[in-house]
PDB file of N, CA and C in Angstrom:
ATOM      1  N   MET A   1     -41.341  -9.134 -28.993  1.00  0.00           N
ATOM      2  CA  MET A   1     -41.460  -7.909 -28.231  1.00  0.00           C
ATOM      3  C   MET A   1     -40.318  -6.975 -28.616  1.00  0.00           C
ATOM      4  N   LYS A   2     -40.672  -5.779 -29.060  1.00  0.00           N
ATOM      5  CA  LYS A   2     -39.673  -4.792 -29.466  1.00  0.00           C
ATOM      6  C   LYS A   2     -39.369  -3.862 -28.298  1.00  0.00           C
ATOM      7  N   MET A   3     -38.073  -3.504 -28.189  1.00  0.00           N
ATOM      8  CA  MET A   3     -37.678  -2.538 -27.162  1.00  0.00           C
ATOM      9  C   MET A   3     -37.500  -1.187 -27.830  1.00  0.00           C
ATOM     10  N   ASN A   4     -38.007  -0.153 -27.186  1.00  0.00           N
ATOM     11  CA  ASN A   4     -37.772   1.170 -27.749  1.00  0.00           C
ATOM     12  C   ASN A   4     -36.367   1.639 -27.389  1.00  0.00           C
ATOM     13  N   SER A   5     -35.920   2.711 -27.992  1.00  0.00           N
ATOM     14  CA  SER A   5     -34.535   3.162 -27.811  1.00  0.00           C
ATOM     15  C   SER A   5     -34.248   3.583 -26.369  1.00  0.00           C
ATOM     16  N   LYS A   6     -35.239   4.146 -25.669  1.00  0.00           N
ATOM     17  CA  LYS A   6     -35.025   4.532 -24.265  1.00  0.00           C
ATOM     18  C   LYS A   6     -34.733   3.307 -23.408  1.00  0.00           C
ATOM     19  N   THR A   7     -35.450   2.244 -23.610  1.00  0.00           N
ATOM     20  CA  THR A   7     -35.257   1.013 -22.850  1.00  0.00           C
ATOM     21  C   THR A   7     -33.880   0.424 -23.126  1.00  0.00           C
ATOM     22  N   LYS A   8     -33.458   0.455 -24.388  1.00  0.00           N
ATOM     23  CA  LYS A   8     -32.132  -0.053 -24.752  1.00  0.00           C
ATOM     24  C   LYS A   8     -31.033   0.753 -24.068  1.00  0.00           C
ATOM     25  N   ILE A   9     -31.195   2.069 -24.019  1.00  0.00           N
ATOM     26  CA  ILE A   9     -30.194   2.934 -23.378  1.00  0.00           C
ATOM     27  C   ILE A   9     -30.128   2.633 -21.880  1.00  0.00           C
ATOM     28  N   ILE A  10     -31.268   2.509 -21.241  1.00  0.00           N
ATOM     29  CA  ILE A  10     -31.300   2.227 -19.798  1.00  0.00           C
ATOM     30  C   ILE A  10     -30.656   0.876 -19.501  1.00  0.00           C
ATOM     31  N   ILE A  11     -30.963  -0.134 -20.291  1.00  0.00           N
ATOM     32  CA  ILE A  11     -30.359  -1.455 -20.096  1.00  0.00           C
ATOM     33  C   ILE A  11     -28.851  -1.383 -20.310  1.00  0.00           C
ATOM     34  N   GLY A  12     -28.406  -0.644 -21.331  1.00  0.00           N
ATOM     35  CA  GLY A  12     -26.971  -0.475 -21.591  1.00  0.00           C
ATOM     36  C   GLY A  12     -26.257   0.193 -20.428  1.00  0.00           C
ATOM     37  N   ILE A  13     -26.874   1.231 -19.868  1.00  0.00           N
ATOM     38  CA  ILE A  13     -26.278   1.933 -18.726  1.00  0.00           C
ATOM     39  C   ILE A  13     -26.192   1.006 -17.514  1.00  0.00           C
ATOM     40  N   LEU A  14     -27.234   0.248 -17.259  1.00  0.00           N
ATOM     41  CA  LEU A  14     -27.215  -0.691 -16.134  1.00  0.00           C
ATOM     42  C   LEU A  14     -26.122  -1.742 -16.297  1.00  0.00           C
ATOM     43  N   ILE A  15     -25.975  -2.279 -17.495  1.00  0.00           N
ATOM     44  CA  ILE A  15     -24.932  -3.281 -17.744  1.00  0.00           C
ATOM     45  C   ILE A  15     -23.549  -2.677 -17.547  1.00  0.00           C
ATOM     46  N   MET A  16     -23.325  -1.469 -18.061  1.00  0.00           N
ATOM     47  CA  MET A  16     -22.019  -0.809 -17.886  1.00  0.00           C
ATOM     48  C   MET A  16     -21.739  -0.567 -16.400  1.00  0.00           C
ATOM     49  N   GLY A  17     -22.767  -0.158 -15.657  1.00  0.00           N
ATOM     50  CA  GLY A  17     -22.589   0.067 -14.224  1.00  0.00           C
ATOM     51  C   GLY A  17     -22.206  -1.201 -13.491  1.00  0.00           C
ATOM     52  N   ILE A  18     -22.848  -2.294 -13.850  1.00  0.00           N
ATOM     53  CA  ILE A  18     -22.542  -3.580 -13.214  1.00  0.00           C
ATOM     54  C   ILE A  18     -21.108  -4.001 -13.514  1.00  0.00           C
ATOM     55  N   ILE A  19     -20.629  -3.689 -14.709  1.00  0.00           N
ATOM     56  CA  ILE A  19     -19.267  -4.062 -15.105  1.00  0.00           C
ATOM     57  C   ILE A  19     -18.227  -3.140 -14.471  1.00  0.00           C
ATOM     58  N   LEU A  20     -18.498  -1.833 -14.438  1.00  0.00           N
ATOM     59  CA  LEU A  20     -17.483  -0.859 -14.014  1.00  0.00           C
ATOM     60  C   LEU A  20     -17.405  -0.630 -12.510  1.00  0.00           C
ATOM     61  N   ILE A  21     -18.494  -0.663 -11.801  1.00  0.00           N
ATOM     62  CA  ILE A  21     -18.495  -0.315 -10.374  1.00  0.00           C
ATOM     63  C   ILE A  21     -17.577  -1.199  -9.533  1.00  0.00           C
ATOM     64  N   PRO A  22     -17.558  -2.525  -9.688  1.00  0.00           N
ATOM     65  CA  PRO A  22     -16.650  -3.329  -8.854  1.00  0.00           C
ATOM     66  C   PRO A  22     -15.176  -2.942  -9.019  1.00  0.00           C
ATOM     67  N   GLY A  23     -14.775  -2.477 -10.190  1.00  0.00           N
ATOM     68  CA  GLY A  23     -13.389  -2.065 -10.408  1.00  0.00           C
ATOM     69  C   GLY A  23     -13.044  -0.759  -9.724  1.00  0.00           C
ATOM     70  N   CYS A  24     -14.046   0.016  -9.350  1.00  0.00           N
ATOM     71  CA  CYS A  24     -13.819   1.313  -8.716  1.00  0.00           C
ATOM     72  C   CYS A  24     -13.766   1.220  -7.197  1.00  0.00           C
ATOM     73  N   ILE A  25     -14.157   0.112  -6.660  1.00  0.00           N
ATOM     74  CA  ILE A  25     -14.162  -0.057  -5.207  1.00  0.00           C
ATOM     75  C   ILE A  25     -12.793  -0.563  -4.771  1.00  0.00           C
ATOM     76  N   GLU A  26     -12.103   0.237  -3.979  1.00  0.00           N
ATOM     77  CA  GLU A  26     -10.767  -0.129  -3.518  1.00  0.00           C
ATOM     78  C   GLU A  26     -10.860  -0.828  -2.167  1.00  0.00           C
ATOM     79  N   GLU A  27     -10.126  -1.903  -2.046  1.00  0.00           N
ATOM     80  CA  GLU A  27     -10.094  -2.629  -0.783  1.00  0.00           C
ATOM     81  C   GLU A  27      -9.369  -1.776   0.254  1.00  0.00           C
ATOM     82  N   LYS A  28      -9.993  -1.610   1.397  1.00  0.00           N
ATOM     83  CA  LYS A  28      -9.356  -0.839   2.469  1.00  0.00           C
ATOM     84  C   LYS A  28      -8.379  -1.741   3.200  1.00  0.00           C
ATOM     85  N   ILE A  29      -7.168  -1.218   3.396  1.00  0.00           N
ATOM     86  CA  ILE A  29      -6.167  -1.975   4.138  1.00  0.00           C
ATOM     87  C   ILE A  29      -5.611  -1.104   5.250  1.00  0.00           C
ATOM     88  N   ASN A  30      -5.125  -1.737   6.286  1.00  0.00           N
ATOM     89  CA  ASN A  30      -4.465  -1.020   7.372  1.00  0.00           C
ATOM     90  C   ASN A  30      -3.084  -0.594   6.909  1.00  0.00           C
ATOM     91  N   ARG A  31      -2.536   0.415   7.547  1.00  0.00           N
ATOM     92  CA  ARG A  31      -1.222   0.938   7.160  1.00  0.00           C
ATOM     93  C   ARG A  31      -0.127  -0.115   7.253  1.00  0.00           C
ATOM     94  N   ASP A  32      -0.271  -1.067   8.162  1.00  0.00           N
ATOM     95  CA  ASP A  32       0.792  -2.065   8.340  1.00  0.00           C
ATOM     96  C   ASP A  32       0.409  -3.451   7.817  1.00  0.00           C
ATOM     97  N   GLN A  33      -0.696  -3.563   7.109  1.00  0.00           N
ATOM     98  CA  GLN A  33      -1.153  -4.857   6.584  1.00  0.00           C
ATOM     99  C   GLN A  33      -0.288  -5.298   5.404  1.00  0.00           C
ATOM    100  N   CYS A  34       0.028  -6.606   5.328  1.00  0.00           N
ATOM    101  CA  CYS A  34       0.865  -7.124   4.248  1.00  0.00           C
ATOM    102  C   CYS A  34       0.599  -8.603   4.026  1.00  0.00           C
ATOM    103  N   THR A  35       1.099  -9.096   2.901  1.00  0.00           N
ATOM    104  CA  THR A  35       1.046 -10.534   2.625  1.00  0.00           C
ATOM    105  C   THR A  35       2.427 -11.090   2.323  1.00  0.00           C
ATOM    106  N   LYS A  36       3.371 -10.199   1.973  1.00  0.00           N
ATOM    107  CA  LYS A  36       4.745 -10.627   1.684  1.00  0.00           C
ATOM    108  C   LYS A  36       5.699  -9.496   2.049  1.00  0.00           C
ATOM    109  N   ASP A  37       6.976  -9.834   2.217  1.00  0.00           N
ATOM    110  CA  ASP A  37       7.981  -8.852   2.638  1.00  0.00           C
ATOM    111  C   ASP A  37       8.034  -7.638   1.721  1.00  0.00           C
ATOM    112  N   SER A  38       7.860  -7.847   0.418  1.00  0.00           N
ATOM    113  CA  SER A  38       7.974  -6.731  -0.530  1.00  0.00           C
ATOM    114  C   SER A  38       6.836  -5.718  -0.389  1.00  0.00           C
ATOM    115  N   ASP A  39       5.810  -6.031   0.393  1.00  0.00           N
ATOM    116  CA  ASP A  39       4.732  -5.074   0.672  1.00  0.00           C
ATOM    117  C   ASP A  39       5.179  -4.013   1.672  1.00  0.00           C
ATOM    118  N   CYS A  40       6.272  -4.256   2.390  1.00  0.00           N
ATOM    119  CA  CYS A  40       6.670  -3.418   3.519  1.00  0.00           C
ATOM    120  C   CYS A  40       7.868  -2.529   3.201  1.00  0.00           C
ATOM    121  N   VAL A  41       7.779  -1.268   3.641  1.00  0.00           N
ATOM    122  CA  VAL A  41       8.856  -0.286   3.468  1.00  0.00           C
ATOM    123  C   VAL A  41       8.976   0.532   4.757  1.00  0.00           C
ATOM    124  N   PRO A  42      10.107   1.238   4.945  1.00  0.00           N
ATOM    125  CA  PRO A  42      10.233   2.094   6.126  1.00  0.00           C
ATOM    126  C   PRO A  42       9.144   3.173   6.151  1.00  0.00           C
ATOM    127  N   GLU A  43       8.626   3.468   7.332  1.00  0.00           N
ATOM    128  CA  GLU A  43       7.540   4.441   7.468  1.00  0.00           C
ATOM    129  C   GLU A  43       8.035   5.883   7.452  1.00  0.00           C
ATOM    130  N   GLN A  44       9.274   6.113   7.864  1.00  0.00           N
ATOM    131  CA  GLN A  44       9.828   7.458   7.872  1.00  0.00           C
ATOM    132  C   GLN A  44      10.957   7.540   6.845  1.00  0.00           C
ATOM    133  N   CYS A  45      11.202   8.746   6.345  1.00  0.00           N
ATOM    134  CA  CYS A  45      12.258   8.934   5.340  1.00  0.00           C
ATOM    135  C   CYS A  45      13.648   8.840   5.965  1.00  0.00           C
ATOM    136  N   CYS A  46      13.828   9.446   7.107  1.00  0.00           N
ATOM    137  CA  CYS A  46      15.145   9.476   7.750  1.00  0.00           C
ATOM    138  C   CYS A  46      15.099   8.716   9.077  1.00  0.00           C
ATOM    139  N   HIS A  47      16.085   7.895   9.290  1.00  0.00           N
ATOM    140  CA  HIS A  47      16.231   7.126  10.526  1.00  0.00           C
ATOM    141  C   HIS A  47      14.918   6.439  10.920  1.00  0.00           C
ATOM    142  N   PRO A  48      14.379   5.603  10.028  1.00  0.00           N
ATOM    143  CA  PRO A  48      13.078   4.982  10.285  1.00  0.00           C
ATOM    144  C   PRO A  48      13.086   4.079  11.511  1.00  0.00           C
ATOM    145  N   THR A  49      11.967   4.116  12.206  1.00  0.00           N
ATOM    146  CA  THR A  49      11.812   3.298  13.410  1.00  0.00           C
ATOM    147  C   THR A  49      10.708   2.261  13.255  1.00  0.00           C
ATOM    148  N   SER A  50       9.966   2.335  12.150  1.00  0.00           N
ATOM    149  CA  SER A  50       8.854   1.408  11.933  1.00  0.00           C
ATOM    150  C   SER A  50       8.641   1.183  10.440  1.00  0.00           C
ATOM    151  N   CYS A  51       7.769   0.234  10.139  1.00  0.00           N
ATOM    152  CA  CYS A  51       7.502  -0.132   8.747  1.00  0.00           C
ATOM    153  C   CYS A  51       6.017   0.009   8.448  1.00  0.00           C
ATOM    154  N   VAL A  52       5.715   0.188   7.168  1.00  0.00           N
ATOM    155  CA  VAL A  52       4.354   0.421   6.722  1.00  0.00           C
ATOM    156  C   VAL A  52       4.152  -0.250   5.367  1.00  0.00           C
ATOM    157  N   ASN A  53       2.905  -0.512   4.985  1.00  0.00           N
ATOM    158  CA  ASN A  53       2.614  -1.043   3.660  1.00  0.00           C
ATOM    159  C   ASN A  53       3.073  -0.023   2.621  1.00  0.00           C
ATOM    160  N   LYS A  54       3.660  -0.481   1.529  1.00  0.00           N
ATOM    161  CA  LYS A  54       4.238   0.418   0.527  1.00  0.00           C
ATOM    162  C   LYS A  54       3.212   1.373  -0.073  1.00  0.00           C
ATOM    163  N   ARG A  55       1.918   1.055   0.026  1.00  0.00           N
ATOM    164  CA  ARG A  55       0.890   1.979  -0.457  1.00  0.00           C
ATOM    165  C   ARG A  55       0.829   3.245   0.396  1.00  0.00           C
ATOM    166  N   PHE A  56       1.373   3.185   1.604  1.00  0.00           N
ATOM    167  CA  PHE A  56       1.375   4.326   2.513  1.00  0.00           C
ATOM    168  C   PHE A  56       2.779   4.899   2.708  1.00  0.00           C
ATOM    169  N   ALA A  57       3.708   4.530   1.832  1.00  0.00           N
ATOM    170  CA  ALA A  57       5.100   4.986   1.954  1.00  0.00           C
ATOM    171  C   ALA A  57       5.173   6.508   1.828  1.00  0.00           C
ATOM    172  N   PRO A  58       6.051   7.126   2.604  1.00  0.00           N
ATOM    173  CA  PRO A  58       6.200   8.577   2.492  1.00  0.00           C
ATOM    174  C   PRO A  58       6.916   8.940   1.192  1.00  0.00           C
ATOM    175  N   ASN A  59       6.678  10.147   0.712  1.00  0.00           N
ATOM    176  CA  ASN A  59       7.398  10.654  -0.455  1.00  0.00           C
ATOM    177  C   ASN A  59       8.702  11.256   0.052  1.00  0.00           C
ATOM    178  N   CYS A  60       9.804  10.583  -0.210  1.00  0.00           N
ATOM    179  CA  CYS A  60      11.100  11.022   0.309  1.00  0.00           C
ATOM    180  C   CYS A  60      11.938  11.747  -0.742  1.00  0.00           C
ATOM    181  N   SER A  61      11.337  12.087  -1.871  1.00  0.00           N
ATOM    182  CA  SER A  61      12.111  12.799  -2.891  1.00  0.00           C
ATOM    183  C   SER A  61      12.447  14.198  -2.370  1.00  0.00           C
ATOM    184  N   GLY A  62      13.679  14.585  -2.545  1.00  0.00           N
ATOM    185  CA  GLY A  62      14.135  15.888  -2.088  1.00  0.00           C
ATOM    186  C   GLY A  62      14.460  15.950  -0.606  1.00  0.00           C
ATOM    187  N   ILE A  63      14.385  14.847   0.092  1.00  0.00           N
ATOM    188  CA  ILE A  63      14.690  14.807   1.527  1.00  0.00           C
ATOM    189  C   ILE A  63      16.154  14.423   1.710  1.00  0.00           C
ATOM    190  N   MET A  64      16.848  15.171   2.550  1.00  0.00           N
ATOM    191  CA  MET A  64      18.235  14.830   2.873  1.00  0.00           C
ATOM    192  C   MET A  64      18.294  14.408   4.337  1.00  0.00           C
ATOM    193  N   CYS A  65      18.954  13.299   4.590  1.00  0.00           N
ATOM    194  CA  CYS A  65      19.073  12.775   5.954  1.00  0.00           C
ATOM    195  C   CYS A  65      20.525  12.871   6.415  1.00  0.00           C
ATOM    196  N   THR A  66      20.715  12.888   7.724  1.00  0.00           N
ATOM    197  CA  THR A  66      22.079  12.856   8.249  1.00  0.00           C
ATOM    198  C   THR A  66      22.634  11.452   8.064  1.00  0.00           C
ATOM    199  N   MET A  67      23.913  11.302   8.195  1.00  0.00           N
ATOM    200  CA  MET A  67      24.557  10.001   8.043  1.00  0.00           C
ATOM    201  C   MET A  67      24.666   9.267   9.377  1.00  0.00           C
ATOM    202  N   VAL A  68      23.992   9.769  10.397  1.00  0.00           N
ATOM    203  CA  VAL A  68      24.011   9.149  11.714  1.00  0.00           C
ATOM    204  C   VAL A  68      23.175   7.873  11.681  1.00  0.00           C
ATOM    205  N   CYS A  69      23.708   6.809  12.244  1.00  0.00           N
ATOM    206  CA  CYS A  69      22.984   5.529  12.307  1.00  0.00           C
ATOM    207  C   CYS A  69      22.267   5.441  13.644  1.00  0.00           C
ATOM    208  N   GLN A  70      21.003   5.886  13.684  1.00  0.00           N
ATOM    209  CA  GLN A  70      20.315   5.889  14.972  1.00  0.00           C
ATOM    210  C   GLN A  70      19.025   5.073  14.995  1.00  0.00           C
ATOM    211  N   GLY A  71      18.440   4.778  13.868  1.00  0.00           N
ATOM    212  CA  GLY A  71      17.199   4.003  13.858  1.00  0.00           C
ATOM    213  C   GLY A  71      17.460   2.508  13.797  1.00  0.00           C
ATOM    214  N   PRO A  72      16.459   1.701  14.093  1.00  0.00           N
ATOM    215  CA  PRO A  72      16.638   0.245  14.077  1.00  0.00           C
ATOM    216  C   PRO A  72      16.795  -0.338  12.669  1.00  0.00           C
ATOM    217  N   ILE A  73      16.590   0.496  11.641  1.00  0.00           N
ATOM    218  CA  ILE A  73      16.746   0.032  10.265  1.00  0.00           C
ATOM    219  C   ILE A  73      18.009   0.617   9.636  1.00  0.00           C
ATOM    220  N   ASP A  74      18.494   1.731  10.176  1.00  0.00           N
ATOM    221  CA  ASP A  74      19.665   2.435   9.618  1.00  0.00           C
ATOM    222  C   ASP A  74      20.896   1.557   9.508  1.00  0.00           C
ATOM    223  N   CYS A  75      21.693   1.832   8.498  1.00  0.00           N
ATOM    224  CA  CYS A  75      23.025   1.244   8.314  1.00  0.00           C
ATOM    225  C   CYS A  75      23.018  -0.288   8.349  1.00  0.00           C
ATOM    226  N   GLY A  76      21.971  -0.886   7.829  1.00  0.00           N
ATOM    227  CA  GLY A  76      21.912  -2.344   7.763  1.00  0.00           C
ATOM    228  C   GLY A  76      21.577  -3.028   9.074  1.00  0.00           C
ATOM    229  N   ALA A  77      21.131  -2.267  10.073  1.00  0.00           N
ATOM    230  CA  ALA A  77      20.806  -2.864  11.374  1.00  0.00           C
ATOM    231  C   ALA A  77      19.515  -3.674  11.328  1.00  0.00           C
ATOM    232  N   GLY A  78      18.648  -3.357  10.391  1.00  0.00           N
ATOM    233  CA  GLY A  78      17.378  -4.066  10.300  1.00  0.00           C
ATOM    234  C   GLY A  78      16.732  -3.853   8.951  1.00  0.00           C
ATOM    235  N   ARG A  79      15.577  -4.462   8.776  1.00  0.00           N
ATOM    236  CA  ARG A  79      14.840  -4.323   7.516  1.00  0.00           C
ATOM    237  C   ARG A  79      13.353  -4.515   7.793  1.00  0.00           C
ATOM    238  N   CYS A  80      12.552  -4.124   6.839  1.00  0.00           N
ATOM    239  CA  CYS A  80      11.106  -4.287   6.955  1.00  0.00           C
ATOM    240  C   CYS A  80      10.704  -5.641   6.393  1.00  0.00           C
ATOM    241  N   VAL A  81       9.914  -6.382   7.157  1.00  0.00           N
ATOM    242  CA  VAL A  81       9.419  -7.691   6.727  1.00  0.00           C
ATOM    243  C   VAL A  81       7.934  -7.805   7.072  1.00  0.00           C
ATOM    244  N   CYS A  82       7.294  -8.780   6.457  1.00  0.00           N
ATOM    245  CA  CYS A  82       5.893  -9.077   6.742  1.00  0.00           C
ATOM    246  C   CYS A  82       5.849 -10.278   7.681  1.00  0.00           C
ATOM    247  N   LYS A  83       5.357 -10.051   8.896  1.00  0.00           N
ATOM    248  CA  LYS A  83       5.264 -11.131   9.880  1.00  0.00           C
ATOM    249  C   LYS A  83       3.841 -11.144  10.430  1.00  0.00           C
ATOM    250  N   ASP A  84       3.183 -12.281  10.320  1.00  0.00           N
ATOM    251  CA  ASP A  84       1.793 -12.411  10.768  1.00  0.00           C
ATOM    252  C   ASP A  84       0.894 -11.350  10.116  1.00  0.00           C
ATOM    253  N   ASN A  85       1.142 -11.103   8.824  1.00  0.00           N
ATOM    254  CA  ASN A  85       0.374 -10.143   8.013  1.00  0.00           C
ATOM    255  C   ASN A  85       0.490  -8.699   8.488  1.00  0.00           C
ATOM    256  N   LYS A  86       1.599  -8.375   9.173  1.00  0.00           N
ATOM    257  CA  LYS A  86       1.870  -6.998   9.590  1.00  0.00           C
ATOM    258  C   LYS A  86       3.297  -6.637   9.236  1.00  0.00           C
ATOM    259  N   CYS A  87       3.505  -5.408   8.759  1.00  0.00           N
ATOM    260  CA  CYS A  87       4.849  -4.926   8.465  1.00  0.00           C
ATOM    261  C   CYS A  87       5.541  -4.589   9.783  1.00  0.00           C
ATOM    262  N   VAL A  88       6.695  -5.190   9.997  1.00  0.00           N
ATOM    263  CA  VAL A  88       7.457  -4.973  11.229  1.00  0.00           C
ATOM    264  C   VAL A  88       8.941  -4.852  10.896  1.00  0.00           C
ATOM    265  N   VAL A  89       9.699  -4.325  11.851  1.00  0.00           N
ATOM    266  CA  VAL A  89      11.154  -4.243  11.719  1.00  0.00           C
ATOM    267  C   VAL A  89      11.758  -5.556  12.189  1.00  0.00           C
ATOM    268  N   GLU A  90      12.630  -6.113  11.365  1.00  0.00           N
ATOM    269  CA  GLU A  90      13.381  -7.312  11.741  1.00  0.00           C
ATOM    270  C   GLU A  90      14.828  -6.892  11.956  1.00  0.00           C
ATOM    271  N   SER A  91      15.351  -7.139  13.140  1.00  0.00           N
ATOM    272  CA  SER A  91      16.736  -6.795  13.446  1.00  0.00           C
ATOM    273  C   SER A  91      17.678  -7.767  12.750  1.00  0.00           C
ATOM    274  N   LEU A  92      18.731  -7.229  12.144  1.00  0.00           N
ATOM    275  CA  LEU A  92      19.738  -8.065  11.487  1.00  0.00           C
ATOM    276  C   LEU A  92      21.010  -8.157  12.318  1.00  0.00           C
ATOM    277  N   ARG A  93      21.014  -7.458  13.452  1.00  0.00           N
ATOM    278  CA  ARG A  93      22.188  -7.510  14.338  1.00  0.00           C
ATOM    279  C   ARG A  93      22.154  -8.784  15.148  1.00  0.00           C
ATOM    280  N   ARG A  94      23.296  -9.355  15.332  1.00  0.00           N
ATOM    281  CA  ARG A  94      23.389 -10.604  16.101  1.00  0.00           C
ATOM    282  C   ARG A  94      24.139 -10.383  17.376  1.00  0.00           C
TER     283      ARG A  94
END
């Protein structure tokens, strides 16, 4: 059985679609979803009070912050960690 050129083109397009489409579908994640500590970053540029998945990190280029230590992460008071698959602030103060 011979295939004409139109049939070959249609089959080629279908095969390419099957190969390419799964790579274009992005997994939806929540802003605070994580699997490891390195997934988590501060949610705000200055004096952060919460943490978020690094895919949702704010663009802090060109932002200047005061040197006041007022947030729970400022000045080494805390850090962002992944706990129970959520980005949270972990206090380092004892």
